[in-house]
Each structure stands twice: as structure tokens, then as C-alpha cells.
C-alpha atoms as a PDB file:
ATOM      1  CA  MET A   1      42.961   6.862 -33.329  1.00  0.00           C
ATOM      2  CA  THR A   2      42.951   6.501 -37.135  1.00  0.00           C
ATOM      3  CA  ASN A   3      39.409   6.872 -38.423  1.00  0.00           C
ATOM      4  CA  THR A   4      38.607   4.191 -40.993  1.00  0.00           C
ATOM      5  CA  LEU A   5      35.064   3.448 -42.027  1.00  0.00           C
ATOM      6  CA  PRO A   6      33.687   0.157 -43.326  1.00  0.00           C
ATOM      7  CA  GLN A   7      32.822   0.420 -46.986  1.00  0.00           C
ATOM      8  CA  SER A   8      29.120   1.039 -47.570  1.00  0.00           C
ATOM      9  CA  GLN A   9      27.498  -2.122 -48.906  1.00  0.00           C
ATOM     10  CA  SER A  10      24.095  -0.739 -49.744  1.00  0.00           C
ATOM     11  CA  HIS A  11      24.750   2.144 -52.097  1.00  0.00           C
ATOM     12  CA  THR A  12      23.167   0.164 -54.904  1.00  0.00           C
ATOM     13  CA  LEU A  13      19.702   1.171 -53.702  1.00  0.00           C
ATOM     14  CA  ASP A  14      17.329   2.031 -56.520  1.00  0.00           C
ATOM     15  CA  SER A  15      17.046   5.684 -55.549  1.00  0.00           C
ATOM     16  CA  ARG A  16      19.727   8.061 -54.330  1.00  0.00           C
ATOM     17  CA  GLU A  17      17.241   9.500 -51.856  1.00  0.00           C
ATOM     18  CA  HIS A  18      17.787   6.353 -49.757  1.00  0.00           C
ATOM     19  CA  PHE A  19      21.556   6.773 -49.579  1.00  0.00           C
ATOM     20  CA  TRP A  20      21.319   8.693 -46.323  1.00  0.00           C
ATOM     21  CA  THR A  21      19.809   5.652 -44.565  1.00  0.00           C
ATOM     22  CA  SER A  22      22.639   3.423 -45.730  1.00  0.00           C
ATOM     23  CA  ILE A  23      25.247   5.980 -44.688  1.00  0.00           C
ATOM     24  CA  ALA A  24      23.608   6.411 -41.282  1.00  0.00           C
ATOM     25  CA  ASN A  25      23.775   2.644 -40.777  1.00  0.00           C
ATOM     26  CA  ASP A  26      27.430   2.562 -41.813  1.00  0.00           C
ATOM     27  CA  LEU A  27      28.261   5.335 -39.349  1.00  0.00           C
ATOM     28  CA  ALA A  28      26.295   3.627 -36.587  1.00  0.00           C
ATOM     29  CA  GLN A  29      28.247   0.431 -37.257  1.00  0.00           C
ATOM     30  CA  ALA A  30      31.524   2.354 -37.076  1.00  0.00           C
ATOM     31  CA  ILE A  31      30.503   3.864 -33.745  1.00  0.00           C
ATOM     32  CA  GLY A  32      29.535   0.427 -32.422  1.00  0.00           C
ATOM     33  CA  GLN A  33      32.915  -0.972 -33.499  1.00  0.00           C
ATOM     34  CA  GLY A  34      34.772   1.828 -31.716  1.00  0.00           C
ATOM     35  CA  VAL A  35      36.039   3.528 -34.885  1.00  0.00           C
ATOM     36  CA  TYR A  36      34.717   6.722 -33.319  1.00  0.00           C
ATOM     37  CA  ALA A  37      35.131   6.817 -29.538  1.00  0.00           C
ATOM     38  CA  PRO A  38      32.616   8.351 -27.099  1.00  0.00           C
ATOM     39  CA  GLY A  39      33.002  12.120 -27.138  1.00  0.00           C
ATOM     40  CA  GLU A  40      34.980  12.118 -30.390  1.00  0.00           C
ATOM     41  CA  ARG A  41      34.196  14.650 -33.104  1.00  0.00           C
ATOM     42  CA  LEU A  42      33.207  13.211 -36.474  1.00  0.00           C
ATOM     43  CA  PRO A  43      34.844  14.425 -39.704  1.00  0.00           C
ATOM     44  CA  SER A  44      33.205  17.433 -41.326  1.00  0.00           C
ATOM     45  CA  GLU A  45      30.158  17.085 -43.556  1.00  0.00           C
ATOM     46  CA  HIS A  46      32.404  17.916 -46.518  1.00  0.00           C
ATOM     47  CA  SER A  47      34.865  15.140 -45.650  1.00  0.00           C
ATOM     48  CA  LEU A  48      32.101  12.587 -45.163  1.00  0.00           C
ATOM     49  CA  ALA A  49      30.433  13.641 -48.407  1.00  0.00           C
ATOM     50  CA  GLU A  50      33.670  13.044 -50.301  1.00  0.00           C
ATOM     51  CA  ARG A  51      34.251   9.722 -48.553  1.00  0.00           C
ATOM     52  CA  PHE A  52      30.783   8.390 -49.405  1.00  0.00           C
ATOM     53  CA  GLY A  53      30.539  10.054 -52.815  1.00  0.00           C
ATOM     54  CA  VAL A  54      27.348  11.980 -52.048  1.00  0.00           C
ATOM     55  CA  ASN A  55      26.368  15.610 -51.495  1.00  0.00           C
ATOM     56  CA  ARG A  56      26.415  17.351 -48.121  1.00  0.00           C
ATOM     57  CA  HIS A  57      22.616  17.392 -47.898  1.00  0.00           C
ATOM     58  CA  THR A  58      22.622  13.582 -47.866  1.00  0.00           C
ATOM     59  CA  ILE A  59      25.272  13.515 -45.137  1.00  0.00           C
ATOM     60  CA  ARG A  60      23.276  16.073 -43.157  1.00  0.00           C
ATOM     61  CA  ARG A  61      20.232  13.790 -43.240  1.00  0.00           C
ATOM     62  CA  SER A  62      22.329  10.807 -42.135  1.00  0.00           C
ATOM     63  CA  LEU A  63      23.800  12.704 -39.183  1.00  0.00           C
ATOM     64  CA  ALA A  64      20.394  14.068 -38.183  1.00  0.00           C
ATOM     65  CA  ALA A  65      19.038  10.509 -38.079  1.00  0.00           C
ATOM     66  CA  LEU A  66      21.840   9.444 -35.725  1.00  0.00           C
ATOM     67  CA  VAL A  67      21.251  12.472 -33.516  1.00  0.00           C
ATOM     68  CA  GLN A  68      17.600  11.423 -33.346  1.00  0.00           C
ATOM     69  CA  ARG A  69      18.673   7.898 -32.348  1.00  0.00           C
ATOM     70  CA  GLY A  70      20.839   9.314 -29.559  1.00  0.00           C
ATOM     71  CA  LEU A  71      24.150   8.133 -31.008  1.00  0.00           C
ATOM     72  CA  LEU A  72      25.393  11.609 -31.897  1.00  0.00           C
ATOM     73  CA  ARG A  73      24.966  15.146 -30.632  1.00  0.00           C
ATOM     74  CA  ALA A  74      25.283  18.265 -32.771  1.00  0.00           C
ATOM     75  CA  GLU A  75      26.914  21.358 -31.309  1.00  0.00           C
ATOM     76  CA  GLN A  76      26.290  24.507 -33.326  1.00  0.00           C
ATOM     77  CA  GLY A  77      29.488  26.031 -34.640  1.00  0.00           C
ATOM     78  CA  SER A  78      31.572  23.113 -33.384  1.00  0.00           C
ATOM     79  CA  GLY A  79      30.553  19.912 -35.118  1.00  0.00           C
ATOM     80  CA  THR A  80      28.958  16.530 -34.509  1.00  0.00           C
ATOM     81  CA  TYR A  81      30.142  14.292 -31.674  1.00  0.00           C
ATOM     82  CA  VAL A  82      29.576  10.754 -30.469  1.00  0.00           C
ATOM     83  CA  GLU A  83      27.438  10.801 -27.339  1.00  0.00           C
ATOM     84  CA  ASP A  84      29.743  10.210 -24.394  1.00  0.00           C
ATOM     85  CA  PHE A  85      27.558  10.206 -21.305  1.00  0.00           C
ATOM     86  CA  ALA A  86      25.108   7.621 -20.058  1.00  0.00           C
ATOM     87  CA  VAL A  87      23.944   6.503 -16.637  1.00  0.00           C
ATOM     88  CA  ASP A  88      21.822   3.606 -15.450  1.00  0.00           C
ATOM     89  CA  LEU A  89      19.257   4.791 -12.899  1.00  0.00           C
ATOM     90  CA  ALA A  90      17.380   2.281 -10.766  1.00  0.00           C
ATOM     91  CA  ILE A  91      13.663   2.468 -10.051  1.00  0.00           C
ATOM     92  CA  GLY A  92      12.756   0.513  -6.961  1.00  0.00           C
ATOM     93  CA  ARG A  93      11.124   0.777  -3.562  1.00  0.00           C
ATOM     94  CA  ARG A  94      13.820   3.200  -2.402  1.00  0.00           C
ATOM     95  CA  THR A  95      14.583   5.318  -5.448  1.00  0.00           C
ATOM     96  CA  ARG A  96      17.064   8.103  -4.615  1.00  0.00           C
ATOM     97  CA  HIS A  97      18.658  10.345  -7.253  1.00  0.00           C
ATOM     98  CA  ARG A  98      21.918  10.983  -5.417  1.00  0.00           C
ATOM     99  CA  HIS A  99      22.301   7.328  -4.409  1.00  0.00           C
ATOM    100  CA  ASN A 100      21.769   6.253  -8.027  1.00  0.00           C
ATOM    101  CA  LEU A 101      24.509   8.610  -9.143  1.00  0.00           C
ATOM    102  CA  ALA A 102      26.865   7.410  -6.418  1.00  0.00           C
ATOM    103  CA  GLN A 103      26.293   3.817  -7.536  1.00  0.00           C
ATOM    104  CA  ALA A 104      27.393   4.883 -11.022  1.00  0.00           C
ATOM    105  CA  GLY A 105      30.422   6.732  -9.654  1.00  0.00           C
ATOM    106  CA  LEU A 106      28.990  10.145 -10.485  1.00  0.00           C
ATOM    107  CA  ARG A 107      28.268  13.310  -8.552  1.00  0.00           C
ATOM    108  CA  GLY A 108      25.153  15.445  -8.874  1.00  0.00           C
ATOM    109  CA  GLY A 109      21.923  16.553  -7.311  1.00  0.00           C
ATOM    110  CA  LEU A 110      18.670  18.383  -7.819  1.00  0.00           C
ATOM    111  CA  ALA A 111      18.316  22.042  -8.739  1.00  0.00           C
ATOM    112  CA  VAL A 112      15.095  23.972  -8.151  1.00  0.00           C
ATOM    113  CA  ILE A 113      13.891  25.655 -11.324  1.00  0.00           C
ATOM    114  CA  ASP A 114      10.726  26.977  -9.712  1.00  0.00           C
ATOM    115  CA  ALA A 115       8.658  26.513  -6.563  1.00  0.00           C
ATOM    116  CA  GLU A 116       5.086  27.585  -5.960  1.00  0.00           C
ATOM    117  CA  ARG A 117       1.939  26.862  -4.003  1.00  0.00           C
ATOM    118  CA  VAL A 118      -0.788  25.519  -6.321  1.00  0.00           C
ATOM    119  CA  ARG A 119      -4.180  23.845  -6.180  1.00  0.00           C
ATOM    120  CA  ALA A 120      -4.084  20.087  -6.767  1.00  0.00           C
ATOM    121  CA  SER A 121      -5.572  18.797 -10.003  1.00  0.00           C
ATOM    122  CA  ALA A 122      -7.788  15.726  -9.922  1.00  0.00           C
ATOM    123  CA  ASP A 123      -4.859  13.399 -10.774  1.00  0.00           C
ATOM    124  CA  GLN A 124      -2.535  15.003  -8.248  1.00  0.00           C
ATOM    125  CA  ALA A 125      -5.204  14.920  -5.538  1.00  0.00           C
ATOM    126  CA  ARG A 126      -5.935  11.259  -6.256  1.00  0.00           C
ATOM    127  CA  ALA A 127      -2.258  10.320  -6.035  1.00  0.00           C
ATOM    128  CA  LEU A 128      -1.698  12.272  -2.823  1.00  0.00           C
ATOM    129  CA  GLN A 129      -5.059  11.232  -1.338  1.00  0.00           C
ATOM    130  CA  VAL A 130      -6.146  14.802  -0.700  1.00  0.00           C
ATOM    131  CA  GLN A 131      -9.198  16.744  -1.763  1.00  0.00           C
ATOM    132  CA  PRO A 132      -9.178  18.221  -5.290  1.00  0.00           C
ATOM    133  CA  ARG A 133      -8.121  21.862  -5.259  1.00  0.00           C
ATOM    134  CA  SER A 134      -6.259  21.311  -1.978  1.00  0.00           C
ATOM    135  CA  ALA A 135      -3.114  23.392  -1.527  1.00  0.00           C
ATOM    136  CA  VAL A 136       0.063  21.531  -2.540  1.00  0.00           C
ATOM    137  CA  LEU A 137       3.684  22.525  -3.025  1.00  0.00           C
ATOM    138  CA  HIS A 138       4.853  22.280  -6.635  1.00  0.00           C
ATOM    139  CA  LEU A 139       8.575  21.972  -7.326  1.00  0.00           C
ATOM    140  CA  HIS A 140       9.975  22.133 -10.850  1.00  0.00           C
ATOM    141  CA  LEU A 141      13.331  20.367 -10.588  1.00  0.00           C
ATOM    142  CA  LEU A 142      16.316  19.568 -12.773  1.00  0.00           C
ATOM    143  CA  GLY A 143      18.276  16.430 -11.948  1.00  0.00           C
ATOM    144  CA  GLU A 144      21.951  16.588 -12.952  1.00  0.00           C
ATOM    145  CA  GLY A 145      24.914  14.242 -12.978  1.00  0.00           C
ATOM    146  CA  GLU A 146      28.443  15.555 -13.587  1.00  0.00           C
ATOM    147  CA  GLY A 147      26.902  18.732 -14.993  1.00  0.00           C
ATOM    148  CA  GLN A 148      24.742  16.836 -17.502  1.00  0.00           C
ATOM    149  CA  PRO A 149      20.928  17.171 -17.358  1.00  0.00           C
ATOM    150  CA  LEU A 150      19.424  13.746 -16.699  1.00  0.00           C
ATOM    151  CA  HIS A 151      15.810  14.500 -15.892  1.00  0.00           C
ATOM    152  CA  VAL A 152      13.288  17.271 -15.389  1.00  0.00           C
ATOM    153  CA  SER A 153      10.415  16.779 -12.994  1.00  0.00           C
ATOM    154  CA  HIS A 154       7.265  18.363 -11.644  1.00  0.00           C
ATOM    155  CA  ARG A 155       6.780  17.197  -8.059  1.00  0.00           C
ATOM    156  CA  TYR A 156       3.859  17.801  -5.731  1.00  0.00           C
ATOM    157  CA  PHE A 157       3.816  17.626  -1.923  1.00  0.00           C
ATOM    158  CA  PRO A 158       0.854  18.017   0.460  1.00  0.00           C
ATOM    159  CA  LEU A 159       0.611  21.186   2.522  1.00  0.00           C
ATOM    160  CA  PRO A 160       0.979  22.290   5.240  1.00  0.00           C
ATOM    161  CA  ARG A 161       3.035  19.181   6.076  1.00  0.00           C
ATOM    162  CA  PHE A 162       5.886  20.126   3.740  1.00  0.00           C
ATOM    163  CA  GLN A 163       5.861  23.882   4.069  1.00  0.00           C
ATOM    164  CA  GLY A 164       9.467  25.037   3.662  1.00  0.00           C
ATOM    165  CA  LEU A 165      10.590  21.896   1.848  1.00  0.00           C
ATOM    166  CA  ALA A 166      11.669  23.911  -1.202  1.00  0.00           C
ATOM    167  CA  ASP A 167      14.244  25.821   0.847  1.00  0.00           C
ATOM    168  CA  VAL A 168      15.892  22.604   2.009  1.00  0.00           C
ATOM    169  CA  VAL A 169      16.007  21.212  -1.533  1.00  0.00           C
ATOM    170  CA  ARG A 170      17.613  24.439  -2.755  1.00  0.00           C
ATOM    171  CA  GLU A 171      20.289  24.187  -0.080  1.00  0.00           C
ATOM    172  CA  SER A 172      20.926  20.439  -0.160  1.00  0.00           C
ATOM    173  CA  GLY A 173      19.999  19.400  -3.699  1.00  0.00           C
ATOM    174  CA  SER A 174      18.234  16.401  -2.179  1.00  0.00           C
ATOM    175  CA  ILE A 175      14.587  15.415  -1.678  1.00  0.00           C
ATOM    176  CA  THR A 176      15.680  12.791   0.854  1.00  0.00           C
ATOM    177  CA  GLU A 177      17.386  15.407   3.034  1.00  0.00           C
ATOM    178  CA  ALA A 178      14.391  17.697   2.683  1.00  0.00           C
ATOM    179  CA  PHE A 179      12.058  14.924   3.814  1.00  0.00           C
ATOM    180  CA  ALA A 180      14.332  14.161   6.775  1.00  0.00           C
ATOM    181  CA  ALA A 181      14.183  17.824   7.782  1.00  0.00           C
ATOM    182  CA  HIS A 182      10.397  17.465   7.858  1.00  0.00           C
ATOM    183  CA  GLY A 183      10.343  14.347  10.011  1.00  0.00           C
ATOM    184  CA  VAL A 184      10.328  11.686   7.273  1.00  0.00           C
ATOM    185  CA  ALA A 185      13.350   9.525   8.026  1.00  0.00           C
ATOM    186  CA  ASP A 186      12.529   6.951   5.345  1.00  0.00           C
ATOM    187  CA  TYR A 187      10.073   6.572   2.491  1.00  0.00           C
ATOM    188  CA  ILE A 188       9.269   4.107  -0.278  1.00  0.00           C
ATOM    189  CA  ARG A 189       8.109   4.183  -3.871  1.00  0.00           C
ATOM    190  CA  GLN A 190       4.525   2.992  -4.062  1.00  0.00           C
ATOM    191  CA  GLU A 191       4.367   2.864  -7.855  1.00  0.00           C
ATOM    192  CA  SER A 192       6.100   3.985 -11.039  1.00  0.00           C
ATOM    193  CA  ARG A 193       4.593   4.114 -14.525  1.00  0.00           C
ATOM    194  CA  VAL A 194       6.987   4.401 -17.464  1.00  0.00           C
ATOM    195  CA  SER A 195       6.220   5.422 -21.043  1.00  0.00           C
ATOM    196  CA  ALA A 196       7.951   7.147 -23.966  1.00  0.00           C
ATOM    197  CA  ARG A 197       6.679  10.563 -25.026  1.00  0.00           C
ATOM    198  CA  LEU A 198       7.765  13.616 -26.976  1.00  0.00           C
ATOM    199  CA  PRO A 199       8.729  16.429 -24.581  1.00  0.00           C
ATOM    200  CA  ASP A 200       7.392  19.952 -24.873  1.00  0.00           C
ATOM    201  CA  ALA A 201       9.774  22.749 -25.854  1.00  0.00           C
ATOM    202  CA  ASP A 202      10.533  23.811 -22.261  1.00  0.00           C
ATOM    203  CA  THR A 203      11.303  20.281 -21.099  1.00  0.00           C
ATOM    204  CA  ALA A 204      13.424  19.576 -24.178  1.00  0.00           C
ATOM    205  CA  ALA A 205      15.415  22.758 -23.602  1.00  0.00           C
ATOM    206  CA  HIS A 206      16.206  21.750 -20.011  1.00  0.00           C
ATOM    207  CA  LEU A 207      17.243  18.266 -21.194  1.00  0.00           C
ATOM    208  CA  ARG A 208      19.302  19.788 -24.036  1.00  0.00           C
ATOM    209  CA  GLN A 209      17.597  17.726 -26.695  1.00  0.00           C
ATOM    210  CA  GLY A 210      15.180  18.281 -29.554  1.00  0.00           C
ATOM    211  CA  THR A 211      11.421  18.063 -29.247  1.00  0.00           C
ATOM    212  CA  ALA A 212      11.350  15.356 -31.925  1.00  0.00           C
ATOM    213  CA  ARG A 213      13.390  12.959 -29.789  1.00  0.00           C
ATOM    214  CA  PRO A 214      11.298  10.871 -27.356  1.00  0.00           C
ATOM    215  CA  ALA A 215      12.055  11.022 -23.647  1.00  0.00           C
ATOM    216  CA  LEU A 216      11.219   8.508 -20.939  1.00  0.00           C
ATOM    217  CA  PHE A 217       8.221   9.764 -18.957  1.00  0.00           C
ATOM    218  CA  VAL A 218       7.683   8.394 -15.448  1.00  0.00           C
ATOM    219  CA  THR A 219       4.866   9.134 -13.030  1.00  0.00           C
ATOM    220  CA  SER A 220       5.474   8.011  -9.469  1.00  0.00           C
ATOM    221  CA  VAL A 221       4.092   8.121  -5.936  1.00  0.00           C
ATOM    222  CA  ASN A 222       6.199   8.000  -2.770  1.00  0.00           C
ATOM    223  CA  THR A 223       4.760   7.245   0.667  1.00  0.00           C
ATOM    224  CA  ASP A 224       6.061   7.472   4.209  1.00  0.00           C
ATOM    225  CA  MET A 225       6.520   4.268   6.209  1.00  0.00           C
ATOM    226  CA  GLN A 226       2.904   4.481   7.406  1.00  0.00           C
ATOM    227  CA  GLY A 227       1.691   4.354   3.813  1.00  0.00           C
ATOM    228  CA  THR A 228       0.651   8.015   3.568  1.00  0.00           C
ATOM    229  CA  PRO A 229       1.435   9.556   0.165  1.00  0.00           C
ATOM    230  CA  ILE A 230       4.007  12.345   0.492  1.00  0.00           C
ATOM    231  CA  GLU A 231       5.040  12.997  -3.126  1.00  0.00           C
ATOM    232  CA  TYR A 232       3.572  12.709  -6.605  1.00  0.00           C
ATOM    233  CA  ALA A 233       6.020  13.235  -9.477  1.00  0.00           C
ATOM    234  CA  GLU A 234       5.971  13.514 -13.249  1.00  0.00           C
ATOM    235  CA  THR A 235       9.527  13.095 -14.522  1.00  0.00           C
ATOM    236  CA  TRP A 236      11.073  13.333 -17.981  1.00  0.00           C
ATOM    237  CA  PHE A 237      14.361  11.447 -18.437  1.00  0.00           C
ATOM    238  CA  ALA A 238      16.797  12.205 -21.264  1.00  0.00           C
ATOM    239  CA  GLY A 239      16.483   9.078 -23.377  1.00  0.00           C
ATOM    240  CA  ASP A 240      20.001   9.300 -24.831  1.00  0.00           C
ATOM    241  CA  ARG A 241      21.722   9.625 -21.449  1.00  0.00           C
ATOM    242  CA  VAL A 242      19.610   7.512 -19.126  1.00  0.00           C
ATOM    243  CA  THR A 243      18.721   3.837 -18.881  1.00  0.00           C
ATOM    244  CA  LEU A 244      16.045   2.998 -16.323  1.00  0.00           C
ATOM    245  CA  THR A 245      16.376  -0.337 -14.524  1.00  0.00           C
ATOM    246  CA  VAL A 246      13.404  -1.578 -12.503  1.00  0.00           C
ATOM    247  CA  ARG A 247      14.592  -3.300  -9.336  1.00  0.00           C
ATOM    248  CA  HIS A 248      12.561  -6.129  -7.819  1.00  0.00           C
ATOM    249  CA  ASP A 249      15.025  -7.274  -5.141  1.00  0.00           C
ATOM    250  CA  GLU A 250      14.771  -4.393  -2.667  1.00  0.00           C
ATOM    251  CA  ARG A 251      13.491  -4.886   0.871  1.00  0.00           C
END
């Protein structure tokens, strides 16, 4: 593809310090028009600086703004690329990570980062309807799709009911299969709360994004078919790779 950019129409701003905003908008427009395809590497900072008639520092600010907006990703030592991966994940009564990926034509699963027995905090105990300081299983999980990190979660399960659940998740990459192995053939989402927050350094590292870029933060409670809470989760979704769709038509 021949890369041609629309001419910048706003370089008559009063101060040169605002040029980077205009350039960022021009580049975003070019991406939206398909001048740069998903996954394509942008020209070097030097080339862009010459094209727009500005210094490299200005171009650097423009590219950083587009990285922040999720349109570009910067790979150290390689260059800047148009983001090329996105998936629409559904939140409904029967939210399943692997099923969501299959619906999008992708493959993936859950990987256990850490597993430990902890004492439930007040919020966790309230969600799981257990006594505060009760023993619960804590799983720190990474959700992937086609090798891309989509979400990081901290999930809590009442004990002793789900003793050994971590081993099944490690082997299968699936909470649903782990529940089935513990006698829960089906389960439903009782509630989900969605907000946008800045991730901490550890979460951002797992999501392969900066701490200054907001992520979608979801707290949720799953129950068995008798209405007993079986899982409380706090999940961070990569905002530049994931769209969350709330489904109201599930039975």
C-alpha cells in the first residue's frame, strides 16, 4: 500500500507547541481511512518530522498521544504500529471466556499466575456470603486470546467447596471445566459492575500497556443454579483490545 497522508489543515495554530495535537489528529484520520492498515508499521519519526515540517520531539508527542488512545502501539527498537487486535467480549448471565473467544473466531484460555489460600476481606466475604476472614481460594489469572493478553483477574472461591480448583484451571485453562469437576454443571452471572480505572504497574505489565492508559475494571459475582455465590472476581480488561458488550437477551 502507498502511504499518503491528508495534508494537515490546522498548522496555523497560534503556538507551535500545539502542532503535535494537529498531527496526531491527522494521523488518526489516516488510520481511520485505511491509509495505514492494522498491524502496519508507521514511517520513522524522522520521516514524519520531514513530512509535517516539525522536529522529532513534536512527532514523538503526537505518536505518544495515539498510543494513549489505543490506536498505536510502540515496540522498543522496532517502531510504532497500528493496533491490529481487538475482540468483543459479552457480559451476560452466562459469561464464559472461552465461549466468547470462540464466538469471535479466536482461540485462548486462562493461565494461572498465582494461587493461594487467603482470608476473605469484607467485600469478598459480602459477595460470597461467607463470614469475614473465612478461608477462600484466590486465583490470579491471565486471560489470553491468540497469544494476546485480554484481561487480568483476581478471583475468589469459597473453601472447602472448591479445594483443588486451581489444579483443574491450570490443566484446562477454563473456570467452567473446573466448576464442572467440582459438581457445578452450570452457573450464572448475578451481577457485573463496569468502570474505567488506571491499572497498577503489575496489572499493566501483564496487559502489556502503560499505567497511564485506562483499563476497563469489572467486578462480578457468579452463582450456582441454586443461587449460592461461587465466585467473586475483579477483572482488568485491556481497553485497546477489548470491547465489552452487555447482553440482555440471555435465558
